[in-house]
Amino acid sequence: MTRLQYAAHIGVSNPTLTRWVKRGMPVRDDGRLDVEAVESWRKANESRLLAERVKG
């Protein structure tokens, strides 16, 4: 799945995904996302991601 497709799928912006990549979100070598790996990463980092959303 592309980053733009995934952003639309979960209801976040592309800049949000860019921030997540900088924080360690897994991206395949071809730039696409392995949804299962990303969902696992999001679950493991849920509290930090929520705190960032609150800060805005």
C-alpha atoms as a PDB file:
ATOM      1  CA  MET A   1       0.000   0.000   0.000  1.00  0.00           C
ATOM      2  CA  THR A   2       1.281   3.487  -0.729  1.00  0.00           C
ATOM      3  CA  ARG A   3       1.721   6.079   1.999  1.00  0.00           C
ATOM      4  CA  LEU A   4      -1.089   8.205   0.555  1.00  0.00           C
ATOM      5  CA  GLN A   5      -3.427   5.214   0.431  1.00  0.00           C
ATOM      6  CA  TYR A   6      -2.589   4.299   4.007  1.00  0.00           C
ATOM      7  CA  ALA A   7      -3.042   7.900   5.207  1.00  0.00           C
ATOM      8  CA  ALA A   8      -6.522   7.970   3.648  1.00  0.00           C
ATOM      9  CA  HIS A   9      -7.271   4.496   5.037  1.00  0.00           C
ATOM     10  CA  ILE A  10      -6.626   5.547   8.640  1.00  0.00           C
ATOM     11  CA  GLY A  11      -7.670   9.197   8.326  1.00  0.00           C
ATOM     12  CA  VAL A  12      -4.374  11.017   8.840  1.00  0.00           C
ATOM     13  CA  SER A  13      -2.414  13.408   6.654  1.00  0.00           C
ATOM     14  CA  ASN A  14       0.647  12.550   4.603  1.00  0.00           C
ATOM     15  CA  PRO A  15       2.764  14.915   6.764  1.00  0.00           C
ATOM     16  CA  THR A  16       1.691  12.848   9.793  1.00  0.00           C
ATOM     17  CA  LEU A  17       3.001   9.702   8.120  1.00  0.00           C
ATOM     18  CA  THR A  18       6.238  11.517   7.296  1.00  0.00           C
ATOM     19  CA  ARG A  19       6.653  12.323  11.004  1.00  0.00           C
ATOM     20  CA  TRP A  20       5.932   8.709  11.901  1.00  0.00           C
ATOM     21  CA  VAL A  21       8.561   7.467   9.437  1.00  0.00           C
ATOM     22  CA  LYS A  22      11.097   9.768  11.100  1.00  0.00           C
ATOM     23  CA  ARG A  23      10.096   8.208  14.425  1.00  0.00           C
ATOM     24  CA  GLY A  24      10.658   4.685  13.152  1.00  0.00           C
ATOM     25  CA  MET A  25       7.530   3.561  11.327  1.00  0.00           C
ATOM     26  CA  PRO A  26       8.570   0.700   9.025  1.00  0.00           C
ATOM     27  CA  VAL A  27       8.672   1.349   5.279  1.00  0.00           C
ATOM     28  CA  ARG A  28       9.638  -1.227   2.667  1.00  0.00           C
ATOM     29  CA  ASP A  29      12.683  -0.656   0.460  1.00  0.00           C
ATOM     30  CA  ASP A  30      10.370   0.268  -2.421  1.00  0.00           C
ATOM     31  CA  GLY A  31       8.711   3.003  -0.319  1.00  0.00           C
ATOM     32  CA  ARG A  32       5.443   1.148   0.108  1.00  0.00           C
ATOM     33  CA  LEU A  33       3.992   0.072   3.440  1.00  0.00           C
ATOM     34  CA  ASP A  34       3.509  -3.408   4.821  1.00  0.00           C
ATOM     35  CA  VAL A  35       0.192  -2.703   6.536  1.00  0.00           C
ATOM     36  CA  GLU A  36       0.623  -5.504   9.079  1.00  0.00           C
ATOM     37  CA  ALA A  37       4.064  -4.200  10.118  1.00  0.00           C
ATOM     38  CA  VAL A  38       2.796  -0.610  10.313  1.00  0.00           C
ATOM     39  CA  GLU A  39      -0.233  -1.619  12.395  1.00  0.00           C
ATOM     40  CA  SER A  40       2.056  -3.489  14.773  1.00  0.00           C
ATOM     41  CA  TRP A  41       4.328  -0.435  15.030  1.00  0.00           C
ATOM     42  CA  ARG A  42       1.333   1.855  15.650  1.00  0.00           C
ATOM     43  CA  LYS A  43       0.047  -0.423  18.415  1.00  0.00           C
ATOM     44  CA  ALA A  44       3.486  -0.514  20.065  1.00  0.00           C
ATOM     45  CA  ASN A  45       3.745   3.298  19.865  1.00  0.00           C
ATOM     46  CA  GLU A  46       0.104   4.156  20.524  1.00  0.00           C
ATOM     47  CA  SER A  47       0.591   6.230  23.670  1.00  0.00           C
ATOM     48  CA  ARG A  48       3.341   8.342  22.095  1.00  0.00           C
ATOM     49  CA  LEU A  49       1.302   8.918  18.930  1.00  0.00           C
ATOM     50  CA  LEU A  50      -1.759   9.953  20.962  1.00  0.00           C
ATOM     51  CA  ALA A  51       0.358  12.368  23.020  1.00  0.00           C
ATOM     52  CA  GLU A  52       1.608  13.978  19.798  1.00  0.00           C
ATOM     53  CA  ARG A  53      -1.954  14.392  18.564  1.00  0.00           C
ATOM     54  CA  VAL A  54      -2.977  16.138  21.779  1.00  0.00           C
ATOM     55  CA  LYS A  55      -0.015  18.512  21.533  1.00  0.00           C
ATOM     56  CA  GLY A  56      -1.124  19.257  17.971  1.00  0.00           C
END
